[in-house]
Amino acid sequence: MRMKSRWVLSALAITSIAVWNACAKASNPSQITTASMWVATVGDQMVRSYSITLSNGAVAQVGNAVSTGVQPQAMAITPDGKALFIANTGDNSISAYTVNSNGTLRAQGVTSSNG
């Protein structure tokens, strides 16, 4: 009986690996081919959106630049990639943006902190 159990477990493991490999190698039509990048500049207090083609590394600006607060210093994006926040040290504010499907930004407002 022990030998039969080992045989069944071995067959199950081999089948699982084969299925997993088939899924990993399957053609995925929703494969990601581009990524987004945002650059905030202190000089003109703007944030620009860029698209990166992952197959060759080509970078192109998309949309228009959007205003930030004074001296944008740090940037954070939500885990779902739908919102971007920029901390502005010159005016102690945080700028909030919605990330559109093409990577461009839509300003949602600025929160000031006077401490």
PDB file of N, CA and C in Angstrom:
ATOM      1  N   MET A   1       0.817  -1.199   0.000  1.00  0.00           N
ATOM      2  CA  MET A   1       0.000   0.000   0.000  1.00  0.00           C
ATOM      3  C   MET A   1       0.861   1.264   0.000  1.00  0.00           C
ATOM      4  N   ARG A   2       1.995   1.227   0.714  1.00  0.00           N
ATOM      5  CA  ARG A   2       2.900   2.372   0.761  1.00  0.00           C
ATOM      6  C   ARG A   2       3.474   2.682  -0.608  1.00  0.00           C
ATOM      7  N   MET A   3       3.814   1.659  -1.342  1.00  0.00           N
ATOM      8  CA  MET A   3       4.393   1.831  -2.670  1.00  0.00           C
ATOM      9  C   MET A   3       3.372   2.475  -3.609  1.00  0.00           C
ATOM     10  N   LYS A   4       2.110   2.081  -3.485  1.00  0.00           N
ATOM     11  CA  LYS A   4       1.046   2.632  -4.325  1.00  0.00           C
ATOM     12  C   LYS A   4       0.849   4.119  -4.009  1.00  0.00           C
ATOM     13  N   SER A   5       0.908   4.506  -2.753  1.00  0.00           N
ATOM     14  CA  SER A   5       0.744   5.903  -2.348  1.00  0.00           C
ATOM     15  C   SER A   5       1.873   6.755  -2.910  1.00  0.00           C
ATOM     16  N   ARG A   6       3.096   6.259  -2.854  1.00  0.00           N
ATOM     17  CA  ARG A   6       4.231   6.998  -3.394  1.00  0.00           C
ATOM     18  C   ARG A   6       4.089   7.180  -4.898  1.00  0.00           C
ATOM     19  N   TRP A   7       3.641   6.151  -5.567  1.00  0.00           N
ATOM     20  CA  TRP A   7       3.455   6.220  -7.020  1.00  0.00           C
ATOM     21  C   TRP A   7       2.414   7.283  -7.360  1.00  0.00           C
ATOM     22  N   VAL A   8       1.305   7.296  -6.626  1.00  0.00           N
ATOM     23  CA  VAL A   8       0.239   8.277  -6.864  1.00  0.00           C
ATOM     24  C   VAL A   8       0.756   9.686  -6.594  1.00  0.00           C
ATOM     25  N   LEU A   9       1.490   9.883  -5.502  1.00  0.00           N
ATOM     26  CA  LEU A   9       2.045  11.202  -5.184  1.00  0.00           C
ATOM     27  C   LEU A   9       3.038  11.643  -6.254  1.00  0.00           C
ATOM     28  N   SER A  10       3.871  10.732  -6.737  1.00  0.00           N
ATOM     29  CA  SER A  10       4.824  11.064  -7.796  1.00  0.00           C
ATOM     30  C   SER A  10       4.102  11.459  -9.073  1.00  0.00           C
ATOM     31  N   ALA A  11       3.085  10.701  -9.445  1.00  0.00           N
ATOM     32  CA  ALA A  11       2.317  11.014 -10.652  1.00  0.00           C
ATOM     33  C   ALA A  11       1.633  12.362 -10.506  1.00  0.00           C
ATOM     34  N   LEU A  12       1.089  12.644  -9.336  1.00  0.00           N
ATOM     35  CA  LEU A  12       0.424  13.918  -9.085  1.00  0.00           C
ATOM     36  C   LEU A  12       1.423  15.072  -9.187  1.00  0.00           C
ATOM     37  N   ALA A  13       2.608  14.904  -8.637  1.00  0.00           N
ATOM     38  CA  ALA A  13       3.631  15.950  -8.696  1.00  0.00           C
ATOM     39  C   ALA A  13       4.056  16.201 -10.140  1.00  0.00           C
ATOM     40  N   ILE A  14       4.291  15.147 -10.905  1.00  0.00           N
ATOM     41  CA  ILE A  14       4.702  15.298 -12.302  1.00  0.00           C
ATOM     42  C   ILE A  14       3.608  15.970 -13.120  1.00  0.00           C
ATOM     43  N   THR A  15       2.359  15.577 -12.895  1.00  0.00           N
ATOM     44  CA  THR A  15       1.236  16.191 -13.605  1.00  0.00           C
ATOM     45  C   THR A  15       1.125  17.678 -13.262  1.00  0.00           C
ATOM     46  N   SER A  16       1.279  18.001 -11.990  1.00  0.00           N
ATOM     47  CA  SER A  16       1.196  19.411 -11.562  1.00  0.00           C
ATOM     48  C   SER A  16       2.284  20.243 -12.221  1.00  0.00           C
ATOM     49  N   ILE A  17       3.497  19.714 -12.263  1.00  0.00           N
ATOM     50  CA  ILE A  17       4.605  20.448 -12.892  1.00  0.00           C
ATOM     51  C   ILE A  17       4.346  20.634 -14.378  1.00  0.00           C
ATOM     52  N   ALA A  18       3.845  19.588 -15.043  1.00  0.00           N
ATOM     53  CA  ALA A  18       3.562  19.684 -16.477  1.00  0.00           C
ATOM     54  C   ALA A  18       2.490  20.735 -16.761  1.00  0.00           C
ATOM     55  N   VAL A  19       1.437  20.753 -15.950  1.00  0.00           N
ATOM     56  CA  VAL A  19       0.360  21.736 -16.127  1.00  0.00           C
ATOM     57  C   VAL A  19       0.886  23.145 -15.865  1.00  0.00           C
ATOM     58  N   TRP A  20       1.678  23.309 -14.815  1.00  0.00           N
ATOM     59  CA  TRP A  20       2.231  24.618 -14.488  1.00  0.00           C
ATOM     60  C   TRP A  20       3.123  25.130 -15.618  1.00  0.00           C
ATOM     61  N   ASN A  21       3.979  24.259 -16.158  1.00  0.00           N
ATOM     62  CA  ASN A  21       4.848  24.656 -17.272  1.00  0.00           C
ATOM     63  C   ASN A  21       4.036  25.037 -18.503  1.00  0.00           C
ATOM     64  N   ALA A  22       2.976  24.306 -18.770  1.00  0.00           N
ATOM     65  CA  ALA A  22       2.133  24.627 -19.926  1.00  0.00           C
ATOM     66  C   ALA A  22       1.493  25.998 -19.755  1.00  0.00           C
ATOM     67  N   CYS A  23       1.043  26.296 -18.548  1.00  0.00           N
ATOM     68  CA  CYS A  23       0.431  27.609 -18.292  1.00  0.00           C
ATOM     69  C   CYS A  23       1.470  28.724 -18.408  1.00  0.00           C
ATOM     70  N   ALA A  24       2.668  28.469 -17.913  1.00  0.00           N
ATOM     71  CA  ALA A  24       3.719  29.491 -17.955  1.00  0.00           C
ATOM     72  C   ALA A  24       4.142  29.801 -19.382  1.00  0.00           C
ATOM     73  N   LYS A  25       4.091  28.810 -20.254  1.00  0.00           N
ATOM     74  CA  LYS A  25       4.519  29.004 -21.630  1.00  0.00           C
ATOM     75  C   LYS A  25       3.373  29.402 -22.555  1.00  0.00           C
ATOM     76  N   ALA A  26       2.156  29.440 -22.047  1.00  0.00           N
ATOM     77  CA  ALA A  26       0.999  29.765 -22.882  1.00  0.00           C
ATOM     78  C   ALA A  26       1.095  31.196 -23.389  1.00  0.00           C
ATOM     79  N   SER A  27       0.576  31.420 -24.568  1.00  0.00           N
ATOM     80  CA  SER A  27       0.558  32.757 -25.131  1.00  0.00           C
ATOM     81  C   SER A  27      -0.427  33.603 -24.344  1.00  0.00           C
ATOM     82  N   ASN A  28       0.041  34.734 -23.861  1.00  0.00           N
ATOM     83  CA  ASN A  28      -0.798  35.594 -23.039  1.00  0.00           C
ATOM     84  C   ASN A  28      -1.062  36.885 -23.802  1.00  0.00           C
ATOM     85  N   PRO A  29      -2.278  37.056 -24.350  1.00  0.00           N
ATOM     86  CA  PRO A  29      -2.561  38.257 -25.132  1.00  0.00           C
ATOM     87  C   PRO A  29      -2.543  39.540 -24.316  1.00  0.00           C
ATOM     88  N   SER A  30      -2.657  39.441 -23.008  1.00  0.00           N
ATOM     89  CA  SER A  30      -2.654  40.645 -22.179  1.00  0.00           C
ATOM     90  C   SER A  30      -1.269  40.928 -21.606  1.00  0.00           C
ATOM     91  N   GLN A  31      -0.233  40.374 -22.221  1.00  0.00           N
ATOM     92  CA  GLN A  31       1.125  40.597 -21.758  1.00  0.00           C
ATOM     93  C   GLN A  31       1.453  42.087 -21.806  1.00  0.00           C
ATOM     94  N   ILE A  32       2.073  42.582 -20.764  1.00  0.00           N
ATOM     95  CA  ILE A  32       2.398  44.001 -20.664  1.00  0.00           C
ATOM     96  C   ILE A  32       3.556  44.329 -21.602  1.00  0.00           C
ATOM     97  N   THR A  33       3.365  45.349 -22.440  1.00  0.00           N
ATOM     98  CA  THR A  33       4.405  45.750 -23.390  1.00  0.00           C
ATOM     99  C   THR A  33       4.923  47.161 -23.131  1.00  0.00           C
ATOM    100  N   THR A  34       4.207  47.928 -22.322  1.00  0.00           N
ATOM    101  CA  THR A  34       4.651  49.285 -21.997  1.00  0.00           C
ATOM    102  C   THR A  34       4.524  49.529 -20.498  1.00  0.00           C
ATOM    103  N   ALA A  35       5.272  50.509 -20.033  1.00  0.00           N
ATOM    104  CA  ALA A  35       5.208  50.930 -18.635  1.00  0.00           C
ATOM    105  C   ALA A  35       5.158  52.445 -18.613  1.00  0.00           C
ATOM    106  N   SER A  36       4.826  52.992 -17.464  1.00  0.00           N
ATOM    107  CA  SER A  36       4.762  54.448 -17.315  1.00  0.00           C
ATOM    108  C   SER A  36       5.832  54.927 -16.349  1.00  0.00           C
ATOM    109  N   MET A  37       6.262  56.162 -16.570  1.00  0.00           N
ATOM    110  CA  MET A  37       7.249  56.802 -15.711  1.00  0.00           C
ATOM    111  C   MET A  37       6.841  58.271 -15.576  1.00  0.00           C
ATOM    112  N   TRP A  38       7.059  58.839 -14.396  1.00  0.00           N
ATOM    113  CA  TRP A  38       6.736  60.242 -14.170  1.00  0.00           C
ATOM    114  C   TRP A  38       7.972  60.947 -13.643  1.00  0.00           C
ATOM    115  N   VAL A  39       8.199  62.167 -14.136  1.00  0.00           N
ATOM    116  CA  VAL A  39       9.357  62.957 -13.721  1.00  0.00           C
ATOM    117  C   VAL A  39       8.857  64.322 -13.276  1.00  0.00           C
ATOM    118  N   ALA A  40       9.147  64.665 -12.019  1.00  0.00           N
ATOM    119  CA  ALA A  40       8.789  65.978 -11.476  1.00  0.00           C
ATOM    120  C   ALA A  40      10.029  66.850 -11.499  1.00  0.00           C
ATOM    121  N   THR A  41       9.874  68.086 -11.951  1.00  0.00           N
ATOM    122  CA  THR A  41      11.008  69.007 -12.048  1.00  0.00           C
ATOM    123  C   THR A  41      10.800  70.214 -11.144  1.00  0.00           C
ATOM    124  N   VAL A  42      11.859  70.605 -10.466  1.00  0.00           N
ATOM    125  CA  VAL A  42      11.804  71.718  -9.527  1.00  0.00           C
ATOM    126  C   VAL A  42      11.756  73.049 -10.261  1.00  0.00           C
ATOM    127  N   GLY A  43      12.525  73.192 -11.343  1.00  0.00           N
ATOM    128  CA  GLY A  43      12.647  74.462 -12.048  1.00  0.00           C
ATOM    129  C   GLY A  43      11.318  75.047 -12.491  1.00  0.00           C
ATOM    130  N   ASP A  44      10.493  74.240 -13.115  1.00  0.00           N
ATOM    131  CA  ASP A  44       9.200  74.741 -13.589  1.00  0.00           C
ATOM    132  C   ASP A  44       8.019  74.191 -12.786  1.00  0.00           C
ATOM    133  N   GLN A  45       8.294  73.405 -11.754  1.00  0.00           N
ATOM    134  CA  GLN A  45       7.273  72.863 -10.866  1.00  0.00           C
ATOM    135  C   GLN A  45       6.179  72.123 -11.646  1.00  0.00           C
ATOM    136  N   MET A  46       6.629  71.159 -12.463  1.00  0.00           N
ATOM    137  CA  MET A  46       5.715  70.368 -13.286  1.00  0.00           C
ATOM    138  C   MET A  46       6.071  68.892 -13.140  1.00  0.00           C
ATOM    139  N   VAL A  47       5.106  68.033 -13.457  1.00  0.00           N
ATOM    140  CA  VAL A  47       5.347  66.596 -13.542  1.00  0.00           C
ATOM    141  C   VAL A  47       4.953  66.151 -14.945  1.00  0.00           C
ATOM    142  N   ARG A  48       5.814  65.358 -15.566  1.00  0.00           N
ATOM    143  CA  ARG A  48       5.578  64.890 -16.934  1.00  0.00           C
ATOM    144  C   ARG A  48       5.419  63.377 -16.944  1.00  0.00           C
ATOM    145  N   SER A  49       4.564  62.895 -17.826  1.00  0.00           N
ATOM    146  CA  SER A  49       4.308  61.463 -17.968  1.00  0.00           C
ATOM    147  C   SER A  49       5.051  60.931 -19.187  1.00  0.00           C
ATOM    148  N   TYR A  50       5.637  59.747 -19.029  1.00  0.00           N
ATOM    149  CA  TYR A  50       6.355  59.105 -20.122  1.00  0.00           C
ATOM    150  C   TYR A  50       5.889  57.663 -20.259  1.00  0.00           C
ATOM    151  N   SER A  51       5.929  57.176 -21.468  1.00  0.00           N
ATOM    152  CA  SER A  51       5.641  55.783 -21.771  1.00  0.00           C
ATOM    153  C   SER A  51       6.953  55.111 -22.155  1.00  0.00           C
ATOM    154  N   ILE A  52       7.186  53.916 -21.621  1.00  0.00           N
ATOM    155  CA  ILE A  52       8.395  53.169 -21.927  1.00  0.00           C
ATOM    156  C   ILE A  52       7.992  51.884 -22.645  1.00  0.00           C
ATOM    157  N   THR A  53       8.531  51.665 -23.833  1.00  0.00           N
ATOM    158  CA  THR A  53       8.302  50.419 -24.559  1.00  0.00           C
ATOM    159  C   THR A  53       9.273  49.391 -23.992  1.00  0.00           C
ATOM    160  N   LEU A  54       8.728  48.343 -23.367  1.00  0.00           N
ATOM    161  CA  LEU A  54       9.569  47.398 -22.656  1.00  0.00           C
ATOM    162  C   LEU A  54      10.432  46.531 -23.565  1.00  0.00           C
ATOM    163  N   SER A  55      10.024  46.347 -24.798  1.00  0.00           N
ATOM    164  CA  SER A  55      10.801  45.486 -25.694  1.00  0.00           C
ATOM    165  C   SER A  55      12.119  46.122 -26.132  1.00  0.00           C
ATOM    166  N   ASN A  56      12.164  47.460 -26.208  1.00  0.00           N
ATOM    167  CA  ASN A  56      13.394  48.098 -26.681  1.00  0.00           C
ATOM    168  C   ASN A  56      13.857  49.272 -25.809  1.00  0.00           C
ATOM    169  N   GLY A  57      13.097  49.625 -24.778  1.00  0.00           N
ATOM    170  CA  GLY A  57      13.489  50.702 -23.868  1.00  0.00           C
ATOM    171  C   GLY A  57      13.213  52.105 -24.367  1.00  0.00           C
ATOM    172  N   ALA A  58      12.487  52.231 -25.478  1.00  0.00           N
ATOM    173  CA  ALA A  58      12.177  53.561 -26.012  1.00  0.00           C
ATOM    174  C   ALA A  58      11.279  54.329 -25.042  1.00  0.00           C
ATOM    175  N   VAL A  59      11.599  55.609 -24.862  1.00  0.00           N
ATOM    176  CA  VAL A  59      10.845  56.466 -23.946  1.00  0.00           C
ATOM    177  C   VAL A  59      10.234  57.609 -24.745  1.00  0.00           C
ATOM    178  N   ALA A  60       8.945  57.896 -24.499  1.00  0.00           N
ATOM    179  CA  ALA A  60       8.264  58.999 -25.187  1.00  0.00           C
ATOM    180  C   ALA A  60       7.342  59.698 -24.202  1.00  0.00           C
ATOM    181  N   GLN A  61       7.323  61.026 -24.250  1.00  0.00           N
ATOM    182  CA  GLN A  61       6.413  61.773 -23.394  1.00  0.00           C
ATOM    183  C   GLN A  61       4.991  61.581 -23.894  1.00  0.00           C
ATOM    184  N   VAL A  62       4.062  61.420 -22.953  1.00  0.00           N
ATOM    185  CA  VAL A  62       2.644  61.317 -23.300  1.00  0.00           C
ATOM    186  C   VAL A  62       1.879  62.420 -22.585  1.00  0.00           C
ATOM    187  N   GLY A  63       0.972  63.039 -23.281  1.00  0.00           N
ATOM    188  CA  GLY A  63       0.167  64.095 -22.687  1.00  0.00           C
ATOM    189  C   GLY A  63       0.974  65.340 -22.365  1.00  0.00           C
ATOM    190  N   ASN A  64       0.340  66.232 -21.644  1.00  0.00           N
ATOM    191  CA  ASN A  64       0.962  67.494 -21.252  1.00  0.00           C
ATOM    192  C   ASN A  64       1.453  67.430 -19.815  1.00  0.00           C
ATOM    193  N   ALA A  65       2.410  68.279 -19.490  1.00  0.00           N
ATOM    194  CA  ALA A  65       2.898  68.382 -18.123  1.00  0.00           C
ATOM    195  C   ALA A  65       1.788  68.932 -17.233  1.00  0.00           C
ATOM    196  N   VAL A  66       1.816  68.530 -15.960  1.00  0.00           N
ATOM    197  CA  VAL A  66       0.815  68.952 -14.979  1.00  0.00           C
ATOM    198  C   VAL A  66       1.555  69.655 -13.834  1.00  0.00           C
ATOM    199  N   SER A  67       0.955  70.693 -13.286  1.00  0.00           N
ATOM    200  CA  SER A  67       1.583  71.468 -12.206  1.00  0.00           C
ATOM    201  C   SER A  67       1.718  70.653 -10.926  1.00  0.00           C
ATOM    202  N   THR A  68       2.820  70.932 -10.202  1.00  0.00           N
ATOM    203  CA  THR A  68       3.023  70.386  -8.858  1.00  0.00           C
ATOM    204  C   THR A  68       3.025  71.569  -7.904  1.00  0.00           C
ATOM    205  N   GLY A  69       3.339  71.306  -6.657  1.00  0.00           N
ATOM    206  CA  GLY A  69       3.555  72.391  -5.709  1.00  0.00           C
ATOM    207  C   GLY A  69       4.980  72.897  -5.868  1.00  0.00           C
ATOM    208  N   VAL A  70       5.421  73.739  -4.917  1.00  0.00           N
ATOM    209  CA  VAL A  70       6.763  74.322  -4.971  1.00  0.00           C
ATOM    210  C   VAL A  70       7.791  73.283  -4.494  1.00  0.00           C
ATOM    211  N   GLN A  71       8.836  73.071  -5.266  1.00  0.00           N
ATOM    212  CA  GLN A  71       9.922  72.133  -5.011  1.00  0.00           C
ATOM    213  C   GLN A  71       9.432  70.693  -4.798  1.00  0.00           C
ATOM    214  N   PRO A  72       8.931  70.045  -5.856  1.00  0.00           N
ATOM    215  CA  PRO A  72       8.537  68.640  -5.709  1.00  0.00           C
ATOM    216  C   PRO A  72       9.753  67.816  -5.285  1.00  0.00           C
ATOM    217  N   GLN A  73       9.593  67.009  -4.239  1.00  0.00           N
ATOM    218  CA  GLN A  73      10.734  66.319  -3.642  1.00  0.00           C
ATOM    219  C   GLN A  73      10.612  64.796  -3.691  1.00  0.00           C
ATOM    220  N   ALA A  74       9.422  64.269  -3.450  1.00  0.00           N
ATOM    221  CA  ALA A  74       9.246  62.816  -3.377  1.00  0.00           C
ATOM    222  C   ALA A  74       7.926  62.434  -4.037  1.00  0.00           C
ATOM    223  N   MET A  75       7.891  61.203  -4.539  1.00  0.00           N
ATOM    224  CA  MET A  75       6.719  60.736  -5.276  1.00  0.00           C
ATOM    225  C   MET A  75       6.335  59.351  -4.765  1.00  0.00           C
ATOM    226  N   ALA A  76       5.032  59.079  -4.682  1.00  0.00           N
ATOM    227  CA  ALA A  76       4.542  57.755  -4.285  1.00  0.00           C
ATOM    228  C   ALA A  76       3.327  57.406  -5.136  1.00  0.00           C
ATOM    229  N   ILE A  77       3.223  56.129  -5.477  1.00  0.00           N
ATOM    230  CA  ILE A  77       2.089  55.654  -6.259  1.00  0.00           C
ATOM    231  C   ILE A  77       1.390  54.566  -5.456  1.00  0.00           C
ATOM    232  N   THR A  78       0.082  54.504  -5.567  1.00  0.00           N
ATOM    233  CA  THR A  78      -0.665  53.477  -4.857  1.00  0.00           C
ATOM    234  C   THR A  78      -0.375  52.111  -5.469  1.00  0.00           C
ATOM    235  N   PRO A  79      -0.537  51.037  -4.692  1.00  0.00           N
ATOM    236  CA  PRO A  79      -0.256  49.693  -5.212  1.00  0.00           C
ATOM    237  C   PRO A  79      -1.053  49.331  -6.466  1.00  0.00           C
ATOM    238  N   ASP A  80      -2.255  49.859  -6.590  1.00  0.00           N
ATOM    239  CA  ASP A  80      -3.058  49.545  -7.780  1.00  0.00           C
ATOM    240  C   ASP A  80      -2.698  50.427  -8.973  1.00  0.00           C
ATOM    241  N   GLY A  81      -1.798  51.392  -8.778  1.00  0.00           N
ATOM    242  CA  GLY A  81      -1.325  52.243  -9.868  1.00  0.00           C
ATOM    243  C   GLY A  81      -2.324  53.279 -10.341  1.00  0.00           C
ATOM    244  N   LYS A  82      -3.344  53.552  -9.553  1.00  0.00           N
ATOM    245  CA  LYS A  82      -4.391  54.476  -9.995  1.00  0.00           C
ATOM    246  C   LYS A  82      -4.262  55.882  -9.424  1.00  0.00           C
ATOM    247  N   ALA A  83      -3.366  56.084  -8.471  1.00  0.00           N
ATOM    248  CA  ALA A  83      -3.193  57.410  -7.880  1.00  0.00           C
ATOM    249  C   ALA A  83      -1.713  57.655  -7.619  1.00  0.00           C
ATOM    250  N   LEU A  84      -1.309  58.917  -7.790  1.00  0.00           N
ATOM    251  CA  LEU A  84       0.079  59.328  -7.591  1.00  0.00           C
ATOM    252  C   LEU A  84       0.070  60.545  -6.676  1.00  0.00           C
ATOM    253  N   PHE A  85       1.030  60.588  -5.759  1.00  0.00           N
ATOM    254  CA  PHE A  85       1.143  61.703  -4.827  1.00  0.00           C
ATOM    255  C   PHE A  85       2.557  62.250  -4.886  1.00  0.00           C
ATOM    256  N   ILE A  86       2.673  63.589  -4.830  1.00  0.00           N
ATOM    257  CA  ILE A  86       3.985  64.229  -4.837  1.00  0.00           C
ATOM    258  C   ILE A  86       4.078  65.143  -3.614  1.00  0.00           C
ATOM    259  N   ALA A  87       5.136  64.946  -2.822  1.00  0.00           N
ATOM    260  CA  ALA A  87       5.400  65.800  -1.667  1.00  0.00           C
ATOM    261  C   ALA A  87       6.232  66.985  -2.140  1.00  0.00           C
ATOM    262  N   ASN A  88       5.763  68.177  -1.823  1.00  0.00           N
ATOM    263  CA  ASN A  88       6.411  69.422  -2.242  1.00  0.00           C
ATOM    264  C   ASN A  88       6.991  70.114  -1.012  1.00  0.00           C
ATOM    265  N   THR A  89       8.330  70.217  -0.936  1.00  0.00           N
ATOM    266  CA  THR A  89       8.956  70.771   0.266  1.00  0.00           C
ATOM    267  C   THR A  89       8.928  72.293   0.321  1.00  0.00           C
ATOM    268  N   GLY A  90       8.829  72.952  -0.827  1.00  0.00           N
ATOM    269  CA  GLY A  90       8.853  74.411  -0.839  1.00  0.00           C
ATOM    270  C   GLY A  90       7.625  75.058  -0.241  1.00  0.00           C
ATOM    271  N   ASP A  91       6.494  74.391  -0.319  1.00  0.00           N
ATOM    272  CA  ASP A  91       5.267  74.946   0.256  1.00  0.00           C
ATOM    273  C   ASP A  91       4.584  73.961   1.206  1.00  0.00           C
ATOM    274  N   ASN A  92       5.300  72.916   1.635  1.00  0.00           N
ATOM    275  CA  ASN A  92       4.771  71.913   2.572  1.00  0.00           C
ATOM    276  C   ASN A  92       3.408  71.389   2.139  1.00  0.00           C
ATOM    277  N   SER A  93       3.336  70.958   0.886  1.00  0.00           N
ATOM    278  CA  SER A  93       2.067  70.454   0.373  1.00  0.00           C
ATOM    279  C   SER A  93       2.242  69.080  -0.260  1.00  0.00           C
ATOM    280  N   ILE A  94       1.124  68.425  -0.495  1.00  0.00           N
ATOM    281  CA  ILE A  94       1.103  67.155  -1.217  1.00  0.00           C
ATOM    282  C   ILE A  94       0.125  67.310  -2.374  1.00  0.00           C
ATOM    283  N   SER A  95       0.622  67.060  -3.577  1.00  0.00           N
ATOM    284  CA  SER A  95      -0.219  67.120  -4.775  1.00  0.00           C
ATOM    285  C   SER A  95      -0.742  65.723  -5.057  1.00  0.00           C
ATOM    286  N   ALA A  96      -2.023  65.608  -5.374  1.00  0.00           N
ATOM    287  CA  ALA A  96      -2.644  64.311  -5.661  1.00  0.00           C
ATOM    288  C   ALA A  96      -3.084  64.269  -7.115  1.00  0.00           C
ATOM    289  N   TYR A  97      -2.891  63.113  -7.757  1.00  0.00           N
ATOM    290  CA  TYR A  97      -3.235  62.933  -9.166  1.00  0.00           C
ATOM    291  C   TYR A  97      -3.905  61.581  -9.365  1.00  0.00           C
ATOM    292  N   THR A  98      -4.790  61.523 -10.339  1.00  0.00           N
ATOM    293  CA  THR A  98      -5.325  60.258 -10.815  1.00  0.00           C
ATOM    294  C   THR A  98      -4.488  59.854 -12.018  1.00  0.00           C
ATOM    295  N   VAL A  99      -4.091  58.576 -12.072  1.00  0.00           N
ATOM    296  CA  VAL A  99      -3.317  58.075 -13.200  1.00  0.00           C
ATOM    297  C   VAL A  99      -4.299  57.502 -14.229  1.00  0.00           C
ATOM    298  N   ASN A 100      -4.319  58.074 -15.417  1.00  0.00           N
ATOM    299  CA  ASN A 100      -5.188  57.598 -16.496  1.00  0.00           C
ATOM    300  C   ASN A 100      -4.616  56.309 -17.095  1.00  0.00           C
ATOM    301  N   SER A 101      -5.411  55.600 -17.863  1.00  0.00           N
ATOM    302  CA  SER A 101      -4.990  54.316 -18.427  1.00  0.00           C
ATOM    303  C   SER A 101      -3.776  54.441 -19.344  1.00  0.00           C
ATOM    304  N   ASN A 102      -3.554  55.604 -19.944  1.00  0.00           N
ATOM    305  CA  ASN A 102      -2.393  55.792 -20.822  1.00  0.00           C
ATOM    306  C   ASN A 102      -1.174  56.352 -20.075  1.00  0.00           C
ATOM    307  N   GLY A 103      -1.272  56.492 -18.750  1.00  0.00           N
ATOM    308  CA  GLY A 103      -0.164  56.979 -17.938  1.00  0.00           C
ATOM    309  C   GLY A 103      -0.169  58.459 -17.676  1.00  0.00           C
ATOM    310  N   THR A 104      -1.030  59.216 -18.367  1.00  0.00           N
ATOM    311  CA  THR A 104      -1.101  60.651 -18.108  1.00  0.00           C
ATOM    312  C   THR A 104      -1.739  60.885 -16.740  1.00  0.00           C
ATOM    313  N   LEU A 105      -1.557  62.095 -16.233  1.00  0.00           N
ATOM    314  CA  LEU A 105      -2.054  62.438 -14.903  1.00  0.00           C
ATOM    315  C   LEU A 105      -3.168  63.469 -14.978  1.00  0.00           C
ATOM    316  N   ARG A 106      -4.100  63.369 -14.038  1.00  0.00           N
ATOM    317  CA  ARG A 106      -5.158  64.369 -13.880  1.00  0.00           C
ATOM    318  C   ARG A 106      -5.080  64.862 -12.434  1.00  0.00           C
ATOM    319  N   ALA A 107      -4.830  66.166 -12.262  1.00  0.00           N
ATOM    320  CA  ALA A 107      -4.688  66.753 -10.929  1.00  0.00           C
ATOM    321  C   ALA A 107      -5.983  66.603 -10.144  1.00  0.00           C
ATOM    322  N   GLN A 108      -5.841  66.211  -8.865  1.00  0.00           N
ATOM    323  CA  GLN A 108      -7.007  66.067  -7.987  1.00  0.00           C
ATOM    324  C   GLN A 108      -6.996  67.087  -6.865  1.00  0.00           C
ATOM    325  N   GLY A 109      -5.906  67.826  -6.733  1.00  0.00           N
ATOM    326  CA  GLY A 109      -5.865  68.854  -5.704  1.00  0.00           C
ATOM    327  C   GLY A 109      -4.557  68.835  -4.936  1.00  0.00           C
ATOM    328  N   VAL A 110      -4.414  69.829  -4.073  1.00  0.00           N
ATOM    329  CA  VAL A 110      -3.207  69.996  -3.260  1.00  0.00           C
ATOM    330  C   VAL A 110      -3.634  70.161  -1.818  1.00  0.00           C
ATOM    331  N   THR A 111      -2.937  69.455  -0.923  1.00  0.00           N
ATOM    332  CA  THR A 111      -3.186  69.574   0.500  1.00  0.00           C
ATOM    333  C   THR A 111      -1.995  70.259   1.130  1.00  0.00           C
ATOM    334  N   SER A 112      -2.222  71.355   1.845  1.00  0.00           N
ATOM    335  CA  SER A 112      -1.126  72.087   2.496  1.00  0.00           C
ATOM    336  C   SER A 112      -1.017  71.689   3.953  1.00  0.00           C
ATOM    337  N   SER A 113       0.214  71.780   4.452  1.00  0.00           N
ATOM    338  CA  SER A 113       0.478  71.490   5.859  1.00  0.00           C
ATOM    339  C   SER A 113       1.262  72.660   6.424  1.00  0.00           C
ATOM    340  N   ASN A 114       0.652  73.383   7.281  1.00  0.00           N
ATOM    341  CA  ASN A 114       1.353  74.510   7.933  1.00  0.00           C
ATOM    342  C   ASN A 114       1.652  74.117   9.361  1.00  0.00           C
ATOM    343  N   GLY A 115       2.921  73.862   9.627  1.00  0.00           N
ATOM    344  CA  GLY A 115       3.255  73.364  10.947  1.00  0.00           C
ATOM    345  C   GLY A 115       4.160  74.244  11.630  1.00  0.00           C
TER     346      GLY A 115
END
